[in-house]
C-alpha cells in the first residue's frame, strides 16, 4: 500500500507513520513531505491514501499555497487516491470552506485526533467510508443551519473582508457586481443585528465562524 503523508511538523509525521506501521501487517510504502514543494515532487506516484495537513509552507513557483492545493492536485493526477485532510484550524467558516473546496474522504480537526481513533478513521476511509470529526461536523452543521452563511457568495464576502479586502475590491474576487455585494452585506448585517462592517466581523469572529 502506498501512502503519502504531508505535514510541516516532523513529530506529527512520525506519529502517523508509526501508527500506520504498527497496525498494518502488509508492506507500506510511505512518502513523507513537510511542505508543498516536497509534496509536489512526490505527487505523481500511485497513492492509495494521502494524509495532508491543511496548512503547509507554499511552493510559489507552482502556485501551491496550502494542503488544500495539494489535495486538489492529487484529485487531478490520481482520482482514486483517498484524501484525508487534517487541520489545526478551528474556525467554523474555514472548516466549512475546506470541506466545500476539497470534498475529501475525511476531514479531521487536530484536536479530535487520538492514538485510539486515528487508525480507525484511516481503515474506514480505505473501506470507502466518509468521515468528519466532531468539530468539523458541528461547524458544517452550524453553517448550513444559518441561511445567510449557507450562501457561497455571502461566505466569500465575509471571508475576504476578514482578510483585509475593501468592499470596492471584492468584485475582483467574488463574481458579483459591487452594488450586489453591498446589498448582500446589508442583509448579512441585518441577520446578525449589526450596524457596521467592523462590528460584523468582530461578532462573527466572536462566534468562532471566522
N, C-alpha and C. Protein backbone atom coordinates (compact mmCIF):
# COMPACT_ATOMS: atom_id res chain seq x y z
N UNK A 1 0.85 -1.19 0.00
CA UNK A 1 0.00 0.00 0.00
C UNK A 1 0.88 1.24 0.00
N UNK A 2 0.55 2.18 -0.85
CA UNK A 2 1.31 3.42 -0.98
C UNK A 2 0.59 4.55 -0.26
N UNK A 3 1.32 5.25 0.61
CA UNK A 3 0.73 6.28 1.45
C UNK A 3 1.56 7.56 1.36
N UNK A 4 0.87 8.68 1.20
CA UNK A 4 1.51 9.99 1.24
C UNK A 4 1.13 10.68 2.55
N UNK A 5 2.13 11.16 3.27
CA UNK A 5 1.90 11.94 4.50
C UNK A 5 2.55 13.30 4.31
N UNK A 6 1.75 14.36 4.48
CA UNK A 6 2.28 15.72 4.31
C UNK A 6 1.90 16.55 5.53
N UNK A 7 2.90 16.98 6.27
CA UNK A 7 2.69 17.85 7.43
C UNK A 7 4.01 18.54 7.72
N UNK A 8 3.94 19.81 8.12
CA UNK A 8 5.19 20.54 8.34
C UNK A 8 5.75 20.34 9.75
N UNK A 9 5.15 19.43 10.52
CA UNK A 9 5.67 19.10 11.86
C UNK A 9 6.20 17.67 11.85
N UNK A 10 7.52 17.48 11.88
CA UNK A 10 8.09 16.14 11.81
C UNK A 10 7.56 15.18 12.87
N UNK A 11 7.27 15.67 14.07
CA UNK A 11 6.77 14.78 15.12
C UNK A 11 5.39 14.23 14.76
N UNK A 12 4.57 15.05 14.13
CA UNK A 12 3.25 14.59 13.72
C UNK A 12 3.37 13.57 12.59
N UNK A 13 4.26 13.84 11.64
CA UNK A 13 4.50 12.88 10.57
C UNK A 13 4.94 11.54 11.15
N UNK A 14 5.83 11.57 12.12
CA UNK A 14 6.31 10.34 12.76
C UNK A 14 5.19 9.61 13.48
N UNK A 15 4.30 10.36 14.12
CA UNK A 15 3.15 9.75 14.79
C UNK A 15 2.29 8.99 13.79
N UNK A 16 1.95 9.64 12.67
CA UNK A 16 1.13 8.98 11.66
C UNK A 16 1.84 7.74 11.12
N UNK A 17 3.12 7.90 10.81
CA UNK A 17 3.88 6.80 10.22
C UNK A 17 3.96 5.61 11.18
N UNK A 18 4.28 5.86 12.44
CA UNK A 18 4.41 4.76 13.41
C UNK A 18 3.08 4.08 13.66
N UNK A 19 2.01 4.86 13.73
CA UNK A 19 0.69 4.27 13.94
C UNK A 19 0.30 3.37 12.78
N UNK A 20 0.57 3.81 11.56
CA UNK A 20 0.23 3.01 10.38
C UNK A 20 1.07 1.73 10.33
N UNK A 21 2.36 1.86 10.60
CA UNK A 21 3.24 0.68 10.54
C UNK A 21 2.92 -0.32 11.63
N UNK A 22 2.47 0.15 12.79
CA UNK A 22 2.17 -0.77 13.89
C UNK A 22 0.86 -1.51 13.68
N UNK A 23 -0.01 -0.96 12.83
CA UNK A 23 -1.32 -1.60 12.63
C UNK A 23 -1.34 -2.51 11.41
N UNK A 24 -0.85 -1.99 10.29
CA UNK A 24 -0.94 -2.76 9.05
C UNK A 24 0.18 -3.78 8.98
N UNK A 25 -0.17 -5.00 8.61
CA UNK A 25 0.82 -6.08 8.55
C UNK A 25 1.31 -6.32 7.13
N UNK A 26 0.84 -5.49 6.21
CA UNK A 26 1.34 -5.59 4.83
C UNK A 26 2.47 -4.58 4.65
N UNK A 27 3.15 -4.68 3.54
CA UNK A 27 4.24 -3.74 3.25
C UNK A 27 3.67 -2.37 2.92
N UNK A 28 4.19 -1.36 3.61
CA UNK A 28 3.76 0.01 3.38
C UNK A 28 4.89 0.79 2.72
N UNK A 29 4.56 1.50 1.66
CA UNK A 29 5.48 2.45 1.07
C UNK A 29 4.99 3.84 1.44
N UNK A 30 5.70 4.49 2.34
CA UNK A 30 5.26 5.78 2.86
C UNK A 30 6.20 6.88 2.35
N UNK A 31 5.61 7.83 1.64
CA UNK A 31 6.36 9.01 1.20
C UNK A 31 6.01 10.16 2.13
N UNK A 32 7.03 10.76 2.72
CA UNK A 32 6.82 11.84 3.70
C UNK A 32 7.26 13.17 3.10
N UNK A 33 6.42 14.18 3.29
CA UNK A 33 6.75 15.53 2.81
C UNK A 33 6.40 16.52 3.90
N UNK A 34 7.14 17.63 3.92
CA UNK A 34 6.98 18.61 5.00
C UNK A 34 6.58 20.00 4.49
N UNK A 35 6.35 20.11 3.20
CA UNK A 35 5.92 21.38 2.61
C UNK A 35 5.33 21.09 1.24
N UNK A 36 4.79 22.13 0.61
CA UNK A 36 4.14 21.94 -0.69
C UNK A 36 5.12 21.48 -1.77
N UNK A 37 6.35 21.99 -1.73
CA UNK A 37 7.32 21.61 -2.76
C UNK A 37 7.66 20.13 -2.67
N UNK A 38 7.94 19.64 -1.47
CA UNK A 38 8.26 18.22 -1.31
C UNK A 38 7.06 17.35 -1.68
N UNK A 39 5.86 17.81 -1.32
CA UNK A 39 4.66 17.05 -1.69
C UNK A 39 4.52 16.99 -3.21
N UNK A 40 4.75 18.12 -3.87
CA UNK A 40 4.64 18.16 -5.33
C UNK A 40 5.66 17.22 -5.98
N UNK A 41 6.88 17.22 -5.45
CA UNK A 41 7.93 16.38 -6.04
C UNK A 41 7.60 14.90 -5.95
N UNK A 42 6.82 14.52 -4.95
CA UNK A 42 6.46 13.11 -4.81
C UNK A 42 5.04 12.80 -5.20
N UNK A 43 4.41 13.71 -5.93
CA UNK A 43 2.97 13.66 -6.13
C UNK A 43 2.52 12.64 -7.16
N UNK A 44 3.40 12.25 -8.04
CA UNK A 44 2.94 11.50 -9.20
C UNK A 44 3.10 9.99 -9.04
N UNK A 45 3.18 9.53 -7.80
CA UNK A 45 3.13 8.10 -7.52
C UNK A 45 1.67 7.68 -7.41
N UNK A 46 1.44 6.38 -7.45
CA UNK A 46 0.08 5.84 -7.39
C UNK A 46 -0.30 5.58 -5.94
N UNK A 47 -0.71 6.62 -5.23
CA UNK A 47 -1.01 6.50 -3.81
C UNK A 47 -2.41 5.92 -3.58
N UNK A 48 -2.51 5.11 -2.53
CA UNK A 48 -3.82 4.62 -2.11
C UNK A 48 -4.53 5.63 -1.22
N UNK A 49 -3.74 6.34 -0.41
CA UNK A 49 -4.32 7.31 0.52
C UNK A 49 -3.30 8.42 0.78
N UNK A 50 -3.79 9.64 0.90
CA UNK A 50 -2.93 10.78 1.22
C UNK A 50 -3.47 11.45 2.48
N UNK A 51 -2.59 11.65 3.46
CA UNK A 51 -2.93 12.29 4.73
C UNK A 51 -2.24 13.64 4.72
N UNK A 52 -3.02 14.72 4.67
CA UNK A 52 -2.46 16.03 4.35
C UNK A 52 -2.90 17.07 5.38
N UNK A 53 -1.93 17.81 5.90
CA UNK A 53 -2.23 18.95 6.75
C UNK A 53 -2.75 20.09 5.87
N UNK A 54 -3.78 20.77 6.32
CA UNK A 54 -4.37 21.86 5.51
C UNK A 54 -3.44 23.05 5.39
N UNK A 55 -2.58 23.27 6.37
CA UNK A 55 -1.70 24.44 6.38
C UNK A 55 -0.26 23.99 6.17
N UNK A 56 0.34 24.42 5.04
CA UNK A 56 1.69 23.99 4.68
C UNK A 56 2.49 25.16 4.13
N UNK A 57 3.81 25.14 4.29
CA UNK A 57 4.65 26.13 3.61
C UNK A 57 4.45 26.02 2.10
N UNK A 58 4.33 27.14 1.40
CA UNK A 58 3.94 27.11 -0.02
C UNK A 58 5.07 26.73 -0.96
N UNK A 59 4.67 26.41 -2.19
CA UNK A 59 5.58 26.24 -3.32
C UNK A 59 5.10 27.23 -4.36
N UNK A 60 5.59 28.45 -4.25
CA UNK A 60 5.06 29.58 -5.02
C UNK A 60 5.23 29.36 -6.52
N UNK A 61 6.33 28.76 -6.91
CA UNK A 61 6.61 28.58 -8.34
C UNK A 61 5.54 27.74 -9.04
N UNK A 62 4.90 26.85 -8.29
CA UNK A 62 3.84 26.01 -8.85
C UNK A 62 2.45 26.46 -8.39
N UNK A 63 2.37 27.62 -7.75
CA UNK A 63 1.10 28.17 -7.29
C UNK A 63 0.40 27.23 -6.31
N UNK A 64 1.19 26.62 -5.45
CA UNK A 64 0.67 25.73 -4.41
C UNK A 64 0.91 26.41 -3.06
N UNK A 65 -0.16 26.74 -2.37
CA UNK A 65 -0.04 27.56 -1.18
C UNK A 65 -0.55 26.88 0.10
N UNK A 66 -1.08 25.69 -0.02
CA UNK A 66 -1.67 25.04 1.15
C UNK A 66 -1.87 23.55 0.89
N UNK A 67 -2.23 22.85 1.94
CA UNK A 67 -2.58 21.45 1.78
C UNK A 67 -3.80 21.25 0.90
N UNK A 68 -4.70 22.24 0.91
CA UNK A 68 -5.87 22.16 0.04
C UNK A 68 -5.46 22.12 -1.42
N UNK A 69 -4.47 22.94 -1.79
CA UNK A 69 -3.98 22.94 -3.17
C UNK A 69 -3.36 21.60 -3.54
N UNK A 70 -2.61 21.01 -2.61
CA UNK A 70 -2.03 19.69 -2.85
C UNK A 70 -3.12 18.65 -3.03
N UNK A 71 -4.14 18.69 -2.17
CA UNK A 71 -5.24 17.73 -2.26
C UNK A 71 -5.97 17.83 -3.59
N UNK A 72 -6.22 19.05 -4.05
CA UNK A 72 -6.90 19.24 -5.32
C UNK A 72 -6.05 18.73 -6.49
N UNK A 73 -4.74 18.92 -6.40
CA UNK A 73 -3.86 18.44 -7.46
C UNK A 73 -3.83 16.92 -7.48
N UNK A 74 -3.81 16.30 -6.32
CA UNK A 74 -3.86 14.83 -6.25
C UNK A 74 -5.14 14.32 -6.91
N UNK A 75 -6.24 15.02 -6.65
CA UNK A 75 -7.51 14.62 -7.25
C UNK A 75 -7.47 14.61 -8.76
N UNK A 76 -6.61 15.46 -9.35
CA UNK A 76 -6.48 15.52 -10.82
C UNK A 76 -5.56 14.42 -11.35
N UNK A 77 -4.44 14.21 -10.66
CA UNK A 77 -3.45 13.25 -11.19
C UNK A 77 -3.71 11.83 -10.72
N UNK A 78 -4.44 11.66 -9.63
CA UNK A 78 -4.70 10.32 -9.09
C UNK A 78 -6.10 10.30 -8.45
N UNK A 79 -7.14 10.28 -9.27
CA UNK A 79 -8.51 10.40 -8.75
C UNK A 79 -8.93 9.29 -7.79
N UNK A 80 -8.28 8.13 -7.86
CA UNK A 80 -8.68 7.03 -6.98
C UNK A 80 -8.06 7.13 -5.58
N UNK A 81 -7.13 8.06 -5.40
CA UNK A 81 -6.47 8.21 -4.09
C UNK A 81 -7.46 8.76 -3.06
N UNK A 82 -7.52 8.13 -1.90
CA UNK A 82 -8.35 8.63 -0.81
C UNK A 82 -7.66 9.83 -0.18
N UNK A 83 -8.43 10.88 0.09
CA UNK A 83 -7.87 12.11 0.64
C UNK A 83 -8.34 12.32 2.07
N UNK A 84 -7.39 12.44 2.98
CA UNK A 84 -7.68 12.75 4.39
C UNK A 84 -7.05 14.10 4.69
N UNK A 85 -7.89 15.07 5.03
CA UNK A 85 -7.40 16.40 5.40
C UNK A 85 -7.42 16.52 6.92
N UNK A 86 -6.29 16.91 7.48
CA UNK A 86 -6.20 17.12 8.93
C UNK A 86 -5.80 18.58 9.15
N UNK A 87 -6.51 19.27 10.01
CA UNK A 87 -6.29 20.70 10.15
C UNK A 87 -6.30 21.17 11.59
N UNK A 88 -5.43 22.14 11.84
CA UNK A 88 -5.42 22.80 13.15
C UNK A 88 -6.37 23.96 13.21
N UNK A 89 -7.00 24.33 12.08
CA UNK A 89 -7.98 25.40 12.08
C UNK A 89 -9.19 24.99 12.90
N UNK A 90 -9.74 25.96 13.66
CA UNK A 90 -10.95 25.65 14.42
C UNK A 90 -12.09 26.62 14.14
N UNK A 91 -11.89 27.54 13.18
CA UNK A 91 -12.95 28.48 12.84
C UNK A 91 -13.95 27.81 11.90
N UNK A 92 -15.22 28.00 12.20
CA UNK A 92 -16.27 27.26 11.51
C UNK A 92 -16.27 27.51 10.00
N UNK A 93 -16.13 28.76 9.60
CA UNK A 93 -16.20 29.08 8.18
C UNK A 93 -14.99 28.53 7.43
N UNK A 94 -13.83 28.54 8.05
CA UNK A 94 -12.65 27.97 7.41
C UNK A 94 -12.81 26.47 7.23
N UNK A 95 -13.30 25.79 8.27
CA UNK A 95 -13.53 24.35 8.17
C UNK A 95 -14.56 24.04 7.09
N UNK A 96 -15.61 24.83 7.06
CA UNK A 96 -16.64 24.61 6.03
C UNK A 96 -16.06 24.80 4.64
N UNK A 97 -15.28 25.86 4.46
CA UNK A 97 -14.71 26.12 3.14
C UNK A 97 -13.73 25.03 2.71
N UNK A 98 -12.98 24.48 3.66
CA UNK A 98 -12.10 23.35 3.34
C UNK A 98 -12.91 22.16 2.84
N UNK A 99 -13.99 21.87 3.55
CA UNK A 99 -14.86 20.76 3.16
C UNK A 99 -15.47 21.01 1.79
N UNK A 100 -15.97 22.21 1.57
CA UNK A 100 -16.65 22.53 0.31
C UNK A 100 -15.67 22.52 -0.86
N UNK A 101 -14.46 23.03 -0.64
CA UNK A 101 -13.49 23.14 -1.71
C UNK A 101 -12.93 21.78 -2.13
N UNK A 102 -12.64 20.92 -1.16
CA UNK A 102 -11.92 19.69 -1.45
C UNK A 102 -12.84 18.47 -1.56
N UNK A 103 -13.89 18.44 -0.76
CA UNK A 103 -14.77 17.27 -0.65
C UNK A 103 -13.93 16.01 -0.38
N UNK A 104 -13.13 16.03 0.68
CA UNK A 104 -12.23 14.90 0.94
C UNK A 104 -12.99 13.69 1.47
N UNK A 105 -12.31 12.57 1.50
CA UNK A 105 -12.91 11.37 2.08
C UNK A 105 -13.01 11.50 3.59
N UNK A 106 -12.10 12.25 4.18
CA UNK A 106 -12.18 12.54 5.62
C UNK A 106 -11.60 13.92 5.87
N UNK A 107 -12.19 14.63 6.80
CA UNK A 107 -11.65 15.91 7.25
C UNK A 107 -11.72 15.92 8.77
N UNK A 108 -10.56 16.16 9.39
CA UNK A 108 -10.41 15.95 10.82
C UNK A 108 -9.75 17.16 11.45
N UNK A 109 -10.34 17.69 12.51
CA UNK A 109 -9.68 18.72 13.31
C UNK A 109 -8.63 18.04 14.19
N UNK A 110 -7.46 18.66 14.28
CA UNK A 110 -6.36 18.02 15.02
C UNK A 110 -6.71 17.75 16.47
N UNK A 111 -7.54 18.63 17.05
CA UNK A 111 -7.88 18.38 18.46
C UNK A 111 -8.86 17.22 18.63
N UNK A 112 -9.33 16.64 17.52
CA UNK A 112 -10.20 15.47 17.60
C UNK A 112 -9.43 14.16 17.39
N UNK A 113 -8.14 14.24 17.09
CA UNK A 113 -7.36 13.03 16.81
C UNK A 113 -6.78 12.47 18.11
N UNK A 114 -6.83 11.17 18.21
CA UNK A 114 -6.17 10.49 19.32
C UNK A 114 -5.47 9.26 18.76
N UNK A 115 -4.60 8.68 19.57
CA UNK A 115 -3.92 7.45 19.17
C UNK A 115 -4.93 6.34 18.93
N UNK A 116 -6.05 6.40 19.64
CA UNK A 116 -7.07 5.36 19.55
C UNK A 116 -7.90 5.47 18.27
N UNK A 117 -8.26 6.70 17.86
CA UNK A 117 -9.18 6.79 16.73
C UNK A 117 -8.51 7.00 15.38
N UNK A 118 -7.23 7.33 15.35
CA UNK A 118 -6.57 7.63 14.07
C UNK A 118 -6.65 6.44 13.12
N UNK A 119 -6.23 5.26 13.58
CA UNK A 119 -6.22 4.09 12.72
C UNK A 119 -7.65 3.70 12.33
N UNK A 120 -8.58 3.84 13.23
CA UNK A 120 -9.97 3.51 12.91
C UNK A 120 -10.49 4.39 11.77
N UNK A 121 -10.16 5.68 11.83
CA UNK A 121 -10.57 6.59 10.76
C UNK A 121 -9.93 6.19 9.44
N UNK A 122 -8.63 5.91 9.46
CA UNK A 122 -7.92 5.55 8.23
C UNK A 122 -8.48 4.27 7.62
N UNK A 123 -8.74 3.26 8.44
CA UNK A 123 -9.28 2.00 7.91
C UNK A 123 -10.68 2.19 7.36
N UNK A 124 -11.48 3.02 8.00
CA UNK A 124 -12.82 3.31 7.48
C UNK A 124 -12.74 3.98 6.11
N UNK A 125 -11.82 4.94 5.97
CA UNK A 125 -11.66 5.64 4.69
C UNK A 125 -11.21 4.66 3.61
N UNK A 126 -10.27 3.79 3.93
CA UNK A 126 -9.81 2.80 2.96
C UNK A 126 -10.93 1.84 2.55
N UNK A 127 -11.90 1.65 3.45
CA UNK A 127 -13.06 0.80 3.16
C UNK A 127 -14.16 1.54 2.39
N UNK A 128 -13.89 2.82 2.07
CA UNK A 128 -14.85 3.56 1.27
C UNK A 128 -15.81 4.44 2.04
N UNK A 129 -15.62 4.55 3.36
CA UNK A 129 -16.50 5.38 4.17
C UNK A 129 -16.01 6.83 4.21
N UNK A 130 -16.94 7.75 4.43
CA UNK A 130 -16.63 9.16 4.60
C UNK A 130 -16.59 9.49 6.09
N UNK A 131 -15.77 10.48 6.45
CA UNK A 131 -15.66 10.81 7.87
C UNK A 131 -15.46 12.31 8.06
N UNK A 132 -16.18 12.85 9.04
CA UNK A 132 -15.95 14.21 9.54
C UNK A 132 -15.81 14.11 11.05
N UNK A 133 -14.75 14.69 11.59
CA UNK A 133 -14.57 14.64 13.04
C UNK A 133 -15.62 15.54 13.70
N UNK A 134 -15.89 15.35 15.00
CA UNK A 134 -16.96 16.11 15.67
C UNK A 134 -16.87 17.62 15.50
N UNK A 135 -15.66 18.18 15.63
CA UNK A 135 -15.51 19.63 15.48
C UNK A 135 -15.91 20.07 14.08
N UNK A 136 -15.48 19.33 13.09
CA UNK A 136 -15.80 19.66 11.71
C UNK A 136 -17.29 19.50 11.44
N UNK A 137 -17.85 18.40 11.89
CA UNK A 137 -19.27 18.13 11.66
C UNK A 137 -20.14 19.21 12.28
N UNK A 138 -19.81 19.63 13.49
CA UNK A 138 -20.59 20.68 14.14
C UNK A 138 -20.48 22.01 13.40
N UNK A 139 -19.28 22.30 12.89
CA UNK A 139 -19.07 23.54 12.15
C UNK A 139 -19.89 23.56 10.87
N UNK A 140 -19.85 22.47 10.13
CA UNK A 140 -20.60 22.38 8.87
C UNK A 140 -22.09 22.49 9.13
N UNK A 141 -22.56 21.81 10.18
CA UNK A 141 -23.99 21.86 10.51
C UNK A 141 -24.42 23.28 10.87
N UNK A 142 -23.58 24.00 11.60
CA UNK A 142 -23.95 25.35 12.00
C UNK A 142 -23.99 26.30 10.82
N UNK A 143 -23.05 26.14 9.89
CA UNK A 143 -23.07 27.00 8.71
C UNK A 143 -24.33 26.74 7.89
N UNK A 144 -24.66 25.47 7.69
CA UNK A 144 -25.85 25.15 6.90
C UNK A 144 -27.12 25.58 7.61
N UNK A 145 -27.10 25.58 8.93
CA UNK A 145 -28.28 25.96 9.69
C UNK A 145 -28.59 27.44 9.54
N UNK A 146 -27.61 28.22 9.17
CA UNK A 146 -27.82 29.65 9.00
C UNK A 146 -27.96 29.94 7.50
N UNK A 147 -29.17 30.34 7.09
CA UNK A 147 -29.44 30.54 5.67
C UNK A 147 -28.49 31.56 5.04
N UNK A 148 -28.13 32.59 5.80
CA UNK A 148 -27.24 33.62 5.27
C UNK A 148 -25.88 33.02 4.95
N UNK A 149 -25.33 32.24 5.86
CA UNK A 149 -23.99 31.70 5.68
C UNK A 149 -23.97 30.45 4.82
N UNK A 150 -25.15 29.89 4.52
CA UNK A 150 -25.20 28.75 3.61
C UNK A 150 -24.97 29.18 2.18
N UNK A 151 -25.08 30.48 1.92
CA UNK A 151 -24.86 31.01 0.57
C UNK A 151 -23.36 31.18 0.32
N UNK A 152 -22.89 30.59 -0.76
CA UNK A 152 -21.45 30.60 -1.04
C UNK A 152 -20.90 32.01 -1.23
N UNK A 153 -21.63 32.85 -1.94
CA UNK A 153 -21.15 34.21 -2.17
C UNK A 153 -21.07 35.00 -0.86
N UNK A 154 -22.05 34.81 0.03
CA UNK A 154 -22.02 35.50 1.32
C UNK A 154 -20.81 35.07 2.14
N UNK A 155 -20.51 33.78 2.11
CA UNK A 155 -19.34 33.29 2.84
C UNK A 155 -18.06 33.90 2.26
N UNK A 156 -18.00 33.96 0.93
CA UNK A 156 -16.80 34.53 0.30
C UNK A 156 -16.65 36.02 0.64
N UNK A 157 -17.76 36.74 0.68
CA UNK A 157 -17.72 38.17 1.04
C UNK A 157 -17.13 38.33 2.43
N UNK A 158 -17.64 37.58 3.39
CA UNK A 158 -17.16 37.69 4.78
C UNK A 158 -15.71 37.25 4.89
N UNK A 159 -15.38 36.16 4.23
CA UNK A 159 -14.02 35.62 4.32
C UNK A 159 -13.00 36.62 3.80
N UNK A 160 -13.30 37.23 2.67
CA UNK A 160 -12.35 38.17 2.09
C UNK A 160 -12.32 39.51 2.81
N UNK A 161 -13.45 39.94 3.36
CA UNK A 161 -13.44 41.13 4.21
C UNK A 161 -12.54 40.91 5.43
N UNK A 162 -12.64 39.72 6.00
CA UNK A 162 -11.82 39.42 7.18
C UNK A 162 -10.34 39.37 6.85
N UNK A 163 -10.02 39.14 5.57
CA UNK A 163 -8.62 39.10 5.14
C UNK A 163 -8.11 40.45 4.68
N UNK A 164 -8.93 41.52 4.91
CA UNK A 164 -8.44 42.87 4.67
C UNK A 164 -8.86 43.52 3.37
N UNK A 165 -9.64 42.83 2.57
CA UNK A 165 -10.10 43.45 1.32
C UNK A 165 -11.17 44.51 1.61
N UNK A 166 -11.16 45.58 0.81
CA UNK A 166 -12.17 46.62 0.91
C UNK A 166 -13.41 46.20 0.10
N UNK A 167 -14.55 46.80 0.45
CA UNK A 167 -15.78 46.43 -0.25
C UNK A 167 -15.65 46.67 -1.75
N UNK A 168 -15.03 47.79 -2.13
CA UNK A 168 -14.93 48.09 -3.56
C UNK A 168 -13.88 47.25 -4.28
N UNK A 169 -13.21 46.35 -3.54
CA UNK A 169 -12.27 45.42 -4.16
C UNK A 169 -12.85 44.02 -4.31
N UNK A 170 -13.96 43.78 -3.61
CA UNK A 170 -14.47 42.41 -3.54
C UNK A 170 -14.94 41.87 -4.88
N UNK A 171 -15.42 42.77 -5.76
CA UNK A 171 -15.92 42.26 -7.05
C UNK A 171 -14.80 41.74 -7.96
N UNK A 172 -13.55 41.94 -7.55
CA UNK A 172 -12.43 41.34 -8.29
C UNK A 172 -12.19 39.89 -7.86
N UNK A 173 -12.83 39.50 -6.74
CA UNK A 173 -12.65 38.15 -6.19
C UNK A 173 -13.97 37.38 -6.21
N UNK A 174 -15.02 38.04 -5.74
CA UNK A 174 -16.36 37.44 -5.73
C UNK A 174 -17.06 37.82 -7.04
N UNK A 175 -17.58 36.86 -7.79
CA UNK A 175 -18.14 37.16 -9.13
C UNK A 175 -19.52 37.82 -9.06
N UNK A 176 -19.57 38.98 -8.41
CA UNK A 176 -20.81 39.75 -8.30
C UNK A 176 -20.49 41.22 -8.50
N UNK A 177 -21.49 41.99 -8.95
CA UNK A 177 -21.31 43.43 -9.08
C UNK A 177 -21.17 44.05 -7.69
N UNK A 178 -20.48 45.20 -7.62
CA UNK A 178 -20.26 45.84 -6.32
C UNK A 178 -21.58 46.18 -5.64
N UNK A 179 -22.58 46.65 -6.39
CA UNK A 179 -23.86 47.00 -5.77
C UNK A 179 -24.54 45.77 -5.18
N UNK A 180 -24.38 44.63 -5.85
CA UNK A 180 -24.95 43.38 -5.33
C UNK A 180 -24.24 42.94 -4.06
N UNK A 181 -22.92 43.10 -4.04
CA UNK A 181 -22.15 42.76 -2.85
C UNK A 181 -22.58 43.63 -1.67
N UNK A 182 -22.77 44.91 -1.93
CA UNK A 182 -23.21 45.83 -0.85
C UNK A 182 -24.59 45.45 -0.33
N UNK A 183 -25.50 45.05 -1.22
CA UNK A 183 -26.84 44.64 -0.79
C UNK A 183 -26.76 43.37 0.05
N UNK A 184 -25.94 42.43 -0.38
CA UNK A 184 -25.78 41.19 0.40
C UNK A 184 -25.17 41.49 1.78
N UNK A 185 -24.21 42.39 1.81
CA UNK A 185 -23.58 42.72 3.08
C UNK A 185 -24.60 43.37 4.02
N UNK A 186 -25.49 44.18 3.48
CA UNK A 186 -26.55 44.79 4.31
C UNK A 186 -27.46 43.72 4.89
N UNK A 187 -27.81 42.71 4.09
CA UNK A 187 -28.66 41.62 4.57
C UNK A 187 -27.95 40.80 5.65
N UNK A 188 -26.65 40.58 5.46
CA UNK A 188 -25.88 39.83 6.47
C UNK A 188 -25.87 40.60 7.79
N UNK A 189 -25.61 41.92 7.72
CA UNK A 189 -25.60 42.74 8.94
C UNK A 189 -26.97 42.74 9.61
N UNK A 190 -28.02 42.76 8.81
CA UNK A 190 -29.37 42.72 9.37
C UNK A 190 -29.62 41.39 10.07
N UNK A 191 -29.16 40.29 9.45
CA UNK A 191 -29.36 38.97 10.05
C UNK A 191 -28.65 38.84 11.39
N UNK A 192 -27.49 39.48 11.50
CA UNK A 192 -26.72 39.41 12.74
C UNK A 192 -27.00 40.60 13.66
N UNK A 193 -27.91 41.47 13.21
CA UNK A 193 -28.30 42.64 14.00
C UNK A 193 -27.09 43.50 14.36
N UNK A 194 -26.26 43.75 13.34
CA UNK A 194 -25.02 44.52 13.49
C UNK A 194 -25.07 45.70 12.53
N UNK A 195 -24.59 46.87 12.98
CA UNK A 195 -24.69 48.07 12.18
C UNK A 195 -23.52 48.37 11.28
N UNK A 196 -22.30 47.97 11.66
CA UNK A 196 -21.13 48.32 10.87
C UNK A 196 -20.37 47.06 10.44
N UNK A 197 -19.56 47.23 9.38
CA UNK A 197 -18.79 46.09 8.88
C UNK A 197 -17.78 45.59 9.92
N UNK A 198 -17.13 46.53 10.61
CA UNK A 198 -16.14 46.14 11.62
C UNK A 198 -16.79 45.36 12.74
N UNK A 199 -17.95 45.83 13.21
CA UNK A 199 -18.65 45.13 14.29
C UNK A 199 -19.16 43.77 13.82
N UNK A 200 -19.54 43.70 12.53
CA UNK A 200 -20.00 42.41 11.99
C UNK A 200 -18.87 41.39 12.03
N UNK A 201 -17.69 41.77 11.57
CA UNK A 201 -16.56 40.86 11.58
C UNK A 201 -16.17 40.47 13.00
N UNK A 202 -16.23 41.45 13.90
CA UNK A 202 -15.92 41.16 15.31
C UNK A 202 -16.90 40.13 15.88
N UNK A 203 -18.19 40.30 15.57
CA UNK A 203 -19.20 39.38 16.09
C UNK A 203 -19.04 37.99 15.49
N UNK A 204 -18.78 37.92 14.20
CA UNK A 204 -18.61 36.62 13.56
C UNK A 204 -17.38 35.90 14.09
N UNK A 205 -16.32 36.67 14.35
CA UNK A 205 -15.12 36.04 14.94
C UNK A 205 -15.39 35.60 16.37
N UNK A 206 -16.19 36.41 17.11
CA UNK A 206 -16.52 36.05 18.49
C UNK A 206 -17.27 34.71 18.53
N UNK A 207 -18.12 34.50 17.55
CA UNK A 207 -18.88 33.26 17.50
C UNK A 207 -18.08 32.09 16.96
N UNK A 208 -16.85 32.36 16.56
CA UNK A 208 -16.00 31.30 16.05
C UNK A 208 -16.31 30.90 14.62
N UNK A 209 -17.02 31.74 13.87
CA UNK A 209 -17.34 31.43 12.49
C UNK A 209 -16.16 31.74 11.58
N UNK A 210 -15.46 32.82 11.88
CA UNK A 210 -14.23 33.17 11.14
C UNK A 210 -13.03 33.10 12.07
